[in-house]
Protein backbone atom coordinates (compact mmCIF):
# COMPACT_ATOMS: atom_id res chain seq x y z
CA MET A 1 0.00 0.00 0.00
CA LYS A 2 1.29 3.48 -0.88
CA ILE A 3 0.85 5.82 2.08
CA VAL A 4 1.72 9.50 2.49
CA ILE A 5 2.22 10.66 6.07
CA LEU A 6 2.14 14.37 6.85
CA GLY A 7 4.00 15.30 10.01
CA ALA A 8 7.19 13.75 11.39
CA GLY A 9 6.42 14.36 15.05
CA ARG A 10 6.27 11.55 17.59
CA VAL A 11 2.93 10.20 16.35
CA GLY A 12 3.89 10.45 12.68
CA SER A 13 7.32 8.91 13.26
CA THR A 14 5.94 5.99 15.26
CA VAL A 15 3.27 5.32 12.63
CA ALA A 16 5.85 5.48 9.84
CA GLU A 17 8.14 3.03 11.64
CA SER A 18 5.31 0.58 12.20
CA LEU A 19 3.98 0.75 8.64
CA VAL A 20 7.42 0.46 7.00
CA SER A 21 7.97 -2.81 8.87
CA GLU A 22 4.83 -4.15 7.17
CA SER A 23 6.22 -3.63 3.65
CA ASN A 24 4.25 -0.48 2.81
CA ASP A 25 5.55 2.23 0.48
CA ILE A 26 5.85 5.23 2.83
CA THR A 27 6.55 8.91 2.15
CA VAL A 28 6.75 11.41 5.02
CA ILE A 29 6.32 15.19 4.60
CA ASP A 30 7.48 17.74 7.16
CA GLN A 31 8.73 21.31 7.11
CA ALA A 32 11.61 20.52 9.47
CA ARG A 33 14.50 18.75 7.77
CA SER A 34 15.87 17.91 11.21
CA SER A 35 12.76 15.82 11.96
CA LEU A 36 12.98 13.90 8.69
CA ALA A 37 16.72 13.11 8.74
CA PRO A 38 16.58 10.50 11.59
CA LEU A 39 13.69 8.71 9.85
CA GLN A 40 15.51 8.50 6.53
CA GLU A 41 18.67 7.25 8.21
CA ARG A 42 17.08 4.26 9.92
CA LEU A 43 13.98 3.44 7.86
CA ASP A 44 13.34 2.45 4.25
CA LEU A 45 11.09 5.35 3.25
CA ARG A 46 11.03 8.62 1.29
CA THR A 47 10.97 12.06 2.85
CA VAL A 48 9.90 15.41 1.41
CA VAL A 49 10.68 18.78 3.00
CA GLY A 50 7.87 21.30 2.62
CA CYS A 51 4.49 22.56 3.73
CA ALA A 52 2.12 19.60 3.97
CA SER A 53 -0.89 21.48 2.59
CA HIS A 54 0.78 22.81 -0.57
CA PRO A 55 -0.38 20.92 -3.70
CA ASP A 56 3.11 21.04 -5.25
CA VAL A 57 4.59 19.39 -2.15
CA MET A 58 1.83 16.78 -2.17
CA ILE A 59 2.56 15.98 -5.82
CA GLN A 60 6.27 15.68 -5.04
CA ALA A 61 5.37 13.17 -2.31
CA GLY A 62 3.40 11.04 -4.79
CA MET A 63 -0.11 11.89 -3.66
CA GLU A 64 -1.42 11.41 -7.21
CA ASP A 65 -1.28 7.62 -6.88
CA ALA A 66 -1.35 7.21 -3.08
CA ASP A 67 -3.78 4.75 -1.50
CA MET A 68 -3.98 6.61 1.79
CA VAL A 69 -3.04 9.92 3.39
CA LEU A 70 -2.43 10.24 7.13
CA ALA A 71 -2.54 13.92 8.10
CA LEU A 72 -0.80 13.86 11.49
CA THR A 73 0.65 17.35 11.84
CA GLY A 74 0.16 19.35 15.02
CA SER A 75 -2.29 21.68 13.26
CA ASP A 76 -5.94 20.59 12.97
CA GLU A 77 -6.55 23.13 10.23
CA THR A 78 -3.63 21.87 8.14
CA ASN A 79 -4.82 18.29 8.54
CA LEU A 80 -8.36 19.19 7.44
CA VAL A 81 -7.14 21.10 4.38
CA VAL A 82 -4.86 18.23 3.38
CA CYS A 83 -7.75 15.75 3.45
CA LYS A 84 -9.91 18.08 1.39
CA LEU A 85 -7.17 18.57 -1.22
CA ALA A 86 -6.37 14.86 -1.27
CA ALA A 87 -10.01 14.15 -2.11
CA SER A 88 -10.67 16.94 -4.60
CA LEU A 89 -7.32 17.15 -6.41
CA PHE A 90 -5.95 13.61 -6.17
CA ASN A 91 -8.96 11.39 -5.41
CA THR A 92 -7.02 9.64 -2.64
CA PRO A 93 -9.18 6.67 -1.51
CA THR A 94 -8.62 6.89 2.27
CA ARG A 95 -8.06 10.09 4.24
CA ILE A 96 -7.30 10.14 7.96
CA ALA A 97 -6.78 13.30 10.02
CA ARG A 98 -5.40 13.93 13.48
CA ILE A 99 -7.80 16.30 15.27
CA ARG A 100 -6.99 17.73 18.69
CA THR A 101 -9.69 20.40 19.13
CA VAL A 102 -12.82 19.06 20.82
CA ASN A 103 -14.93 21.69 19.09
CA TYR A 104 -14.27 20.06 15.72
CA LEU A 105 -15.01 16.58 17.08
CA ASP A 106 -18.31 17.76 18.52
CA HIS A 107 -19.49 18.75 15.03
CA PRO A 108 -19.01 15.61 12.92
CA ASP A 109 -20.54 17.19 9.81
CA ILE A 110 -17.23 19.00 9.39
CA PHE A 111 -15.69 15.70 8.29
CA SER A 112 -18.38 14.78 5.73
CA LYS A 113 -17.79 14.44 1.98
CA ASP A 114 -19.51 17.79 1.45
CA ASN A 115 -16.96 19.50 3.69
CA PHE A 116 -13.43 18.32 4.52
CA CYS A 117 -13.71 14.70 3.29
CA VAL A 118 -12.19 13.04 6.36
CA ASP A 119 -12.87 9.29 6.46
CA PHE A 120 -11.59 8.92 10.00
CA ALA A 121 -10.70 11.57 12.60
CA ILE A 122 -8.26 10.44 15.26
CA CYS A 123 -7.83 12.35 18.52
CA PRO A 124 -4.74 11.09 20.41
CA GLU A 125 -5.68 13.04 23.54
CA ARG A 126 -9.13 11.47 23.69
CA ILE A 127 -7.69 7.98 23.11
CA LEU A 128 -5.14 8.51 25.89
CA THR A 129 -7.78 9.83 28.27
CA ASN A 130 -9.98 6.78 27.70
CA TYR A 131 -6.95 4.51 28.15
CA ILE A 132 -5.96 6.08 31.49
CA GLU A 133 -9.58 6.14 32.66
CA LYS A 134 -9.71 2.34 32.21
CA LEU A 135 -6.53 1.93 34.28
CA ILE A 136 -8.13 3.97 37.05
CA GLU A 137 -11.36 1.95 36.84
CA PHE A 138 -9.35 -1.30 37.14
CA PRO A 139 -6.41 -0.30 39.39
CA GLY A 140 -4.89 -3.79 39.38
CA ALA A 141 -4.51 -3.88 35.59
CA LEU A 142 -1.51 -2.98 33.43
CA GLN A 143 -3.71 -2.62 30.34
CA VAL A 144 -7.45 -2.76 29.65
CA LEU A 145 -8.45 -2.91 25.98
CA ASP A 146 -11.93 -3.12 24.48
CA PHE A 147 -13.18 -5.03 21.43
CA ALA A 148 -16.51 -5.34 19.65
CA PHE A 149 -17.78 -2.02 21.02
CA GLY A 150 -17.02 -2.95 24.60
CA LYS A 151 -18.52 -6.44 24.56
CA VAL A 152 -15.11 -8.08 25.15
CA SER A 153 -12.06 -6.91 27.10
CA LEU A 154 -8.42 -7.95 27.00
CA VAL A 155 -6.73 -7.27 30.34
CA ALA A 156 -3.08 -7.54 31.36
CA VAL A 157 -2.29 -8.09 35.03
CA LYS A 158 0.82 -8.97 36.97
CA ALA A 159 0.37 -12.19 38.93
CA ILE A 160 1.33 -11.49 42.54
CA ARG A 161 1.72 -13.58 45.63
CA GLY A 162 -1.66 -14.26 47.19
CA GLY A 163 -3.54 -14.69 43.94
CA SER A 164 -5.35 -18.02 43.96
CA LEU A 165 -3.90 -19.09 40.59
CA VAL A 166 -0.24 -18.33 41.30
CA GLY A 167 1.63 -21.62 41.45
CA ARG A 168 -1.27 -23.50 39.84
CA GLN A 169 -2.06 -24.77 36.35
CA LEU A 170 -4.35 -22.84 34.03
CA THR A 171 -6.78 -25.78 33.99
CA GLU A 172 -7.66 -24.87 37.56
CA LEU A 173 -9.00 -21.47 36.52
CA ARG A 174 -12.37 -22.95 35.52
CA ARG A 175 -12.74 -24.66 38.89
CA HIS A 176 -12.16 -21.36 40.68
CA VAL A 177 -14.63 -19.46 38.50
CA PRO A 178 -17.03 -22.14 37.20
CA ASP A 179 -19.71 -19.65 36.21
CA LEU A 180 -17.40 -17.33 34.25
CA GLU A 181 -15.95 -17.92 30.80
CA THR A 182 -12.41 -16.62 30.25
CA ARG A 183 -9.26 -17.56 28.41
CA VAL A 184 -5.62 -16.73 29.04
CA ALA A 185 -4.36 -15.46 25.69
CA ALA A 186 -0.68 -15.12 26.55
CA ILE A 187 1.82 -15.03 29.39
CA PHE A 188 5.04 -13.03 29.42
CA ARG A 189 7.69 -14.19 31.86
CA HIS A 190 10.88 -12.11 32.15
CA ASN A 191 9.77 -10.37 28.92
CA HIS A 192 9.60 -13.67 26.99
CA PRO A 193 6.27 -15.01 25.70
CA ILE A 194 4.91 -18.34 26.90
CA ILE A 195 2.21 -20.04 24.84
CA PRO A 196 -0.50 -20.87 27.40
CA GLU A 197 -1.63 -24.48 27.67
CA GLY A 198 -3.73 -26.22 30.26
CA SER A 199 -0.64 -27.47 32.08
CA THR A 200 1.04 -24.03 32.16
CA VAL A 201 1.73 -22.92 35.73
CA VAL A 202 1.30 -19.23 36.55
CA GLU A 203 4.30 -17.86 38.42
CA GLU A 204 4.67 -14.81 40.58
CA ASN A 205 5.36 -11.64 38.51
CA ASP A 206 4.10 -13.21 35.29
CA GLU A 207 2.38 -10.71 33.00
CA VAL A 208 -0.89 -12.47 32.17
CA PHE A 209 -3.18 -11.41 29.31
CA PHE A 210 -6.71 -12.77 29.58
CA ILE A 211 -9.85 -12.29 27.52
CA ALA A 212 -13.37 -12.26 28.94
CA SER A 213 -16.74 -10.68 28.50
CA SER A 214 -16.36 -7.13 29.82
CA ARG A 215 -18.90 -7.69 32.59
CA ASN A 216 -16.76 -10.53 34.01
CA ILE A 217 -13.41 -8.72 34.14
CA ARG A 218 -13.37 -7.96 37.87
CA ALA A 219 -14.22 -11.52 38.85
CA VAL A 220 -11.43 -12.97 36.72
CA MET A 221 -8.89 -10.41 37.96
CA ARG A 222 -9.70 -11.48 41.51
CA GLU A 223 -8.40 -14.97 40.73
CA LEU A 224 -5.02 -13.76 39.45
CA ARG A 225 -4.26 -11.25 42.19
CA ARG A 226 -5.67 -9.64 45.29
CA MET A 227 -8.02 -6.90 44.17
CA ASP A 228 -6.72 -3.41 44.75
CA LYS A 229 -8.96 -1.00 46.63
CA PRO A 230 -11.13 1.22 44.40
CA VAL A 231 -9.54 4.52 43.43
CA LYS A 232 -11.00 7.57 45.19
CA ARG A 233 -8.21 10.18 45.28
CA VAL A 234 -6.40 11.15 42.07
CA MET A 235 -3.66 13.74 41.60
CA ILE A 236 -2.87 14.87 38.04
CA ALA A 237 0.42 16.57 37.19
CA GLY A 238 -0.08 18.80 34.17
CA GLY A 239 -3.12 20.80 33.08
CA GLY A 240 -2.65 20.45 29.34
CA ARG A 241 -5.10 18.80 26.96
CA ILE A 242 -4.73 15.30 28.42
CA GLY A 243 -4.66 16.38 32.06
CA GLN A 244 -7.72 18.59 31.61
CA ARG A 245 -9.66 15.89 29.73
CA LEU A 246 -8.91 13.32 32.42
CA ALA A 247 -9.93 15.74 35.19
CA GLU A 248 -13.21 16.47 33.37
CA VAL A 249 -13.99 12.76 33.14
CA LEU A 250 -13.13 12.00 36.78
CA GLN A 251 -14.35 15.11 38.60
CA HIS A 252 -17.84 13.80 39.40
CA SER A 253 -16.77 10.36 40.61
CA HIS A 254 -13.36 10.98 42.25
CA GLN A 255 -11.55 13.49 44.42
CA VAL A 256 -9.27 15.15 41.88
CA ARG A 257 -6.37 17.57 42.28
CA ILE A 258 -4.43 18.97 39.34
CA ILE A 259 -1.03 20.73 39.44
CA GLU A 260 -0.09 23.21 36.71
CA ARG A 261 2.84 25.65 36.62
CA ASP A 262 1.33 28.13 34.10
CA ILE A 263 -0.85 30.59 36.04
CA LYS A 264 -2.98 31.42 32.98
CA VAL A 265 -3.70 27.73 32.41
CA CYS A 266 -4.62 27.43 36.10
CA GLU A 267 -7.12 30.27 35.74
CA SER A 268 -8.66 28.57 32.69
CA LEU A 269 -8.85 25.23 34.50
CA THR A 270 -10.54 26.84 37.51
CA GLN A 271 -13.26 28.20 35.24
CA SER A 272 -13.90 24.94 33.39
CA LEU A 273 -13.42 22.38 36.20
CA HIS A 274 -15.95 22.93 38.98
CA ASN A 275 -15.21 19.88 41.16
CA VAL A 276 -11.41 19.85 40.88
CA LEU A 277 -8.84 21.49 43.15
CA VAL A 278 -6.45 23.38 40.85
CA LEU A 279 -2.96 23.98 42.29
CA HIS A 280 -0.38 26.38 40.88
CA GLY A 281 3.12 24.97 41.16
CA ASP A 282 5.89 22.75 39.85
CA VAL A 283 5.02 19.05 39.61
CA THR A 284 8.57 18.15 40.72
CA ASP A 285 8.34 20.34 43.86
CA GLU A 286 8.78 17.88 46.72
CA GLU A 287 7.39 20.29 49.32
CA LEU A 288 4.27 20.95 47.24
CA LEU A 289 3.58 17.22 46.87
CA GLU A 290 3.98 16.67 50.60
CA SER A 291 1.79 19.64 51.52
CA GLU A 292 -0.96 18.26 49.26
CA ASN A 293 -0.83 14.86 51.01
CA ILE A 294 0.68 12.87 48.17
CA SER A 295 0.93 9.86 50.50
CA GLU A 296 -2.88 9.67 50.59
CA MET A 297 -3.30 9.56 46.79
CA ASP A 298 -4.57 6.35 45.25
CA ILE A 299 -3.20 7.29 41.83
CA PHE A 300 -0.75 9.95 40.67
CA CYS A 301 -0.80 10.68 36.91
CA ALA A 302 2.16 12.59 35.46
CA LEU A 303 0.77 13.98 32.19
CA THR A 304 2.80 17.10 31.38
CA ASP A 305 4.37 17.77 27.97
CA ASN A 306 7.83 17.24 29.47
CA GLU A 307 8.63 13.54 29.82
CA GLU A 308 11.64 14.15 32.07
CA ASN A 309 9.41 16.04 34.49
CA ASN A 310 6.85 13.22 34.28
CA ILE A 311 9.48 10.66 35.20
CA MET A 312 10.85 12.72 38.09
CA ALA A 313 7.41 13.63 39.44
CA ALA A 314 6.15 10.03 39.25
CA LEU A 315 9.24 8.60 40.97
CA MET A 316 9.00 11.26 43.67
CA ALA A 317 5.27 10.64 44.19
CA LYS A 318 5.90 6.90 44.53
CA ARG A 319 8.69 7.45 47.02
CA LYS A 320 6.43 9.79 49.02
CA GLY A 321 3.73 7.14 49.34
CA ALA A 322 1.34 7.39 46.37
CA ARG A 323 -0.24 3.94 45.94
CA LYS A 324 0.13 3.82 42.16
CA VAL A 325 1.86 6.13 39.69
CA ILE A 326 1.38 6.51 35.94
CA ALA A 327 3.72 8.52 33.71
CA LEU A 328 3.31 9.70 30.12
CA ILE A 329 6.61 9.08 28.32
CA ASN A 330 7.09 9.80 24.63
CA ARG A 331 10.44 8.18 23.86
CA SER A 332 10.27 4.40 23.68
CA ILE A 333 13.77 4.01 25.09
CA TYR A 334 12.63 5.84 28.24
CA VAL A 335 9.58 3.59 28.49
CA ASP A 336 11.85 0.53 28.40
CA LEU A 337 14.16 2.02 31.05
CA MET A 338 11.23 2.69 33.37
CA GLN A 339 10.09 -0.93 33.40
CA GLY A 340 10.87 -2.30 36.83
CA SER A 341 11.49 1.16 38.31
CA GLY A 342 9.22 2.86 40.84
CA ILE A 343 6.82 3.83 38.05
CA ASP A 344 3.94 1.36 37.94
CA ILE A 345 2.80 2.10 34.38
CA ALA A 346 4.75 4.01 31.72
CA ILE A 347 2.50 5.01 28.81
CA SER A 348 3.77 5.75 25.31
CA PRO A 349 1.18 8.06 23.66
CA ALA A 350 2.19 7.02 20.16
CA GLN A 351 1.87 3.30 20.93
CA VAL A 352 -1.56 3.80 22.49
CA THR A 353 -2.70 5.81 19.48
CA ILE A 354 -1.29 3.74 16.66
CA GLY A 355 -3.82 0.92 16.88
CA SER A 356 -6.58 3.26 15.71
CA LEU A 357 -4.62 3.85 12.50
CA LEU A 358 -3.46 0.29 11.89
CA ALA A 359 -7.02 -0.99 11.52
CA TYR A 360 -7.35 1.17 8.39
CA VAL A 361 -4.06 0.03 6.86
CA ARG A 362 -4.27 -3.70 7.40
CA GLN A 363 -5.42 -6.12 4.71
CA GLY A 364 -8.71 -7.96 5.08
CA ASP A 365 -11.56 -6.89 7.33
CA VAL A 366 -9.64 -5.71 10.40
CA ALA A 367 -12.01 -3.91 12.77
CA VAL A 368 -9.73 -3.13 15.73
CA VAL A 369 -5.99 -3.25 16.40
CA HIS A 370 -4.29 -2.72 19.75
CA SER A 371 -0.52 -2.43 19.93
CA LEU A 372 0.86 -4.23 23.01
CA ARG A 373 4.15 -4.42 24.87
CA ARG A 374 5.53 -1.32 23.21
CA GLY A 375 4.68 -2.55 19.72
CA ALA A 376 6.15 -6.05 19.97
CA ALA A 377 2.77 -7.83 20.22
CA GLU A 378 -0.74 -7.09 18.96
CA ALA A 379 -4.35 -7.90 19.64
CA LEU A 380 -6.70 -7.81 16.66
CA GLU A 381 -10.39 -8.03 15.95
CA LEU A 382 -11.09 -9.48 12.49
CA VAL A 383 -14.40 -10.17 10.80
CA ALA A 384 -14.79 -13.64 9.25
CA HIS A 385 -16.31 -13.56 5.75
CA GLY A 386 -17.09 -16.19 3.14
CA ASP A 387 -18.11 -19.80 3.66
CA ALA A 388 -16.45 -23.16 4.16
CA HIS A 389 -15.34 -23.20 0.50
CA SER A 390 -14.00 -19.67 0.15
CA SER A 391 -12.61 -19.06 3.66
CA ARG A 392 -9.84 -20.74 5.65
CA VAL A 393 -11.64 -20.05 8.94
CA VAL A 394 -15.42 -20.02 8.40
CA GLY A 395 -17.08 -23.36 9.13
CA ARG A 396 -13.98 -24.73 10.85
CA LYS A 397 -13.20 -25.60 14.44
CA ILE A 398 -10.45 -23.53 16.00
CA GLU A 399 -8.26 -26.61 16.33
CA GLU A 400 -8.50 -27.04 12.53
CA ILE A 401 -7.28 -23.51 11.72
CA ARG A 402 -3.58 -23.24 10.89
CA LEU A 403 -2.67 -20.33 13.10
CA PRO A 404 1.03 -19.45 13.34
CA ARG A 405 2.58 -20.52 16.62
CA GLY A 406 2.14 -17.69 19.07
CA ALA A 407 -1.24 -16.58 17.72
CA THR A 408 -4.24 -17.34 19.94
CA ILE A 409 -7.95 -16.95 19.26
CA GLY A 410 -9.37 -15.76 22.54
CA ALA A 411 -13.00 -14.89 21.90
CA ILE A 412 -15.71 -14.55 19.27
CA VAL A 413 -18.57 -12.05 19.18
CA ARG A 414 -21.54 -13.34 17.18
CA GLY A 415 -24.51 -11.33 16.05
CA LEU A 416 -23.03 -7.88 15.44
CA PRO A 417 -24.56 -6.26 12.34
CA PRO A 418 -22.53 -6.74 9.12
CA GLY A 419 -21.21 -3.89 7.03
CA ASP A 420 -19.10 -0.84 7.75
CA ILE A 421 -20.22 -0.57 11.37
CA TYR A 422 -16.93 0.95 12.55
CA ARG A 423 -17.24 4.09 10.46
CA GLN A 424 -17.80 7.28 12.42
CA ASN A 425 -20.93 9.38 12.68
CA LEU A 426 -23.71 6.93 11.87
CA PRO A 427 -27.12 8.51 11.17
CA GLU A 428 -29.38 8.49 14.24
CA ASP A 429 -31.67 5.70 13.01
CA GLU A 430 -28.69 3.48 12.10
CA GLU A 431 -27.06 4.28 15.44
CA GLN A 432 -30.13 3.12 17.37
CA ASN A 433 -30.52 -0.01 15.25
CA PHE A 434 -26.87 -0.91 15.73
CA SER A 435 -27.06 -0.33 19.48
CA GLU A 436 -29.97 -2.76 19.76
CA GLN A 437 -28.17 -5.43 17.71
CA ARG A 438 -24.97 -4.92 19.71
CA ASN A 439 -26.83 -5.58 22.96
CA ARG A 440 -28.17 -8.86 21.54
CA ALA A 441 -24.75 -10.02 20.29
CA THR A 442 -23.25 -13.07 22.01
CA VAL A 443 -19.73 -13.37 23.47
CA ILE A 444 -18.20 -16.82 22.99
CA ILE A 445 -14.92 -17.62 24.74
CA ALA A 446 -12.92 -19.74 22.30
CA HIS A 447 -12.26 -23.46 22.87
CA HIS A 448 -10.61 -26.00 20.59
CA ASP A 449 -13.96 -27.23 19.23
CA THR A 450 -15.58 -23.78 18.74
CA VAL A 451 -16.71 -23.34 15.13
CA ILE A 452 -16.31 -19.92 13.48
CA GLU A 453 -19.33 -18.70 11.52
CA GLN A 454 -19.76 -16.11 8.82
CA ASN A 455 -19.62 -12.49 10.13
CA ASP A 456 -18.19 -13.54 13.50
CA HIS A 457 -15.88 -10.96 15.06
CA VAL A 458 -12.80 -12.94 16.06
CA ILE A 459 -10.40 -11.54 18.69
CA LEU A 460 -6.83 -12.78 18.47
CA PHE A 461 -3.64 -12.22 20.43
CA VAL A 462 -0.33 -12.33 18.53
CA VAL A 463 2.81 -12.47 20.68
CA ASN A 464 5.03 -11.38 17.77
CA LYS A 465 3.96 -8.65 15.39
CA LYS A 466 5.72 -10.44 12.51
CA MET A 467 2.91 -13.02 12.52
CA VAL A 468 0.19 -10.46 11.79
CA GLN A 469 0.37 -10.74 8.00
CA GLN A 470 -0.03 -14.54 8.21
CA VAL A 471 -3.10 -14.09 10.42
CA GLU A 472 -4.61 -11.53 8.05
CA LYS A 473 -4.15 -13.87 5.08
CA LEU A 474 -6.07 -16.56 6.92
CA PHE A 475 -9.09 -14.26 7.09
CA GLN A 476 -8.97 -13.14 3.47
CA VAL A 477 -11.68 -14.60 1.24
CA ASN A 478 -10.70 -16.43 -1.94
CA VAL A 479 -11.12 -14.42 -5.15
CA GLY A 480 -13.99 -16.59 -6.34
CA PHE A 481 -16.22 -15.66 -3.42
CA LEU A 482 -19.05 -13.20 -4.20
């Protein structure tokens, strides 16, 4: 696939690196030569220096025969104009824009074919806020990821001493929770994947990924570890877009404090957040943290634009007694270094965001993609099409499907409406109809004798990203199928 990426910032660079590794033809446009040089040195792609919204620059980048444009610059207006030009001048089939301003997102008609021709608007800040909100809702989890519109969840937890399954085989899970269906999709031990089998013994500190119906998540987590107390008190370091969004979401259900060093931003936050204590100060100020009772905080979220400050503030908060600390860290090398430190969860914004884009790039009917373990593994939701003659999966038991070793089918959602249900901004009547069908859909936890049917949404875990293309080919329908 020929893809033009506009913007070589952290999101654009991460997306480019991921897509190049999947044998796509990538061109990146940016005004800053210094941002493009590192990409060209280490990746097999083209770069073009220039203004992303200028038609001449777009032609130079090969937009005339591109399959997709990803407008990922830091300017919403530039991204919107690029999508409009890509549609009107070059007839580019797929147009995706990064949109940061909530005001645009609240008026979806802006993205219609009659206006800016955006097929999919991605808001990294909103994605990150939802991601962190899930971690606060399930304080014992390392990751909580949704599939099939929230019908199924994939959860990563660290197995700790005291959990009823630690030191036991996976076959015993069903005896502990006989009324709940779940499946362990993968186990990582000392950063190495272990393919789960019935005889696999869960060890202390294992990172366990399990799949279950979303309503059963808490009960299954209870078997793998002692349940953490619910989160009541949250302190947020940084009043930028992400910090403000998270405070808005939590302010009616939690006791929230937010620290911001810019006095003008503090004044704005005070006006917009009515149930949040806004504090003016430096997030790395030890005396400020102590005076605001950091030791009583259930969760401390370091979400400033400065990753060094996030690391320092999170480590300090942990040392001062905060129960759990989360830090936003842009550079992947920093994320790796923080594993095993005092920081409980280090979040890479680009890695959290990239899954939303990958679903549009992948071959076959890929509905959802989640990037896991800093891009090394993936969880996918694919739709099974065809019949027993035209498909390698439809009409077959899971034990009959030739999955690459390390790929696991964890769950199936049956009964979701067919068609382009993942597109944004459905008309009101379609939205209501889909909601009703979604509620009737059935979650089936996969077993060896489970048969996949046409239009099933199949959720898979892949321990090595290199296997993804093999998995996608399995779900592609033969040419003769109509």
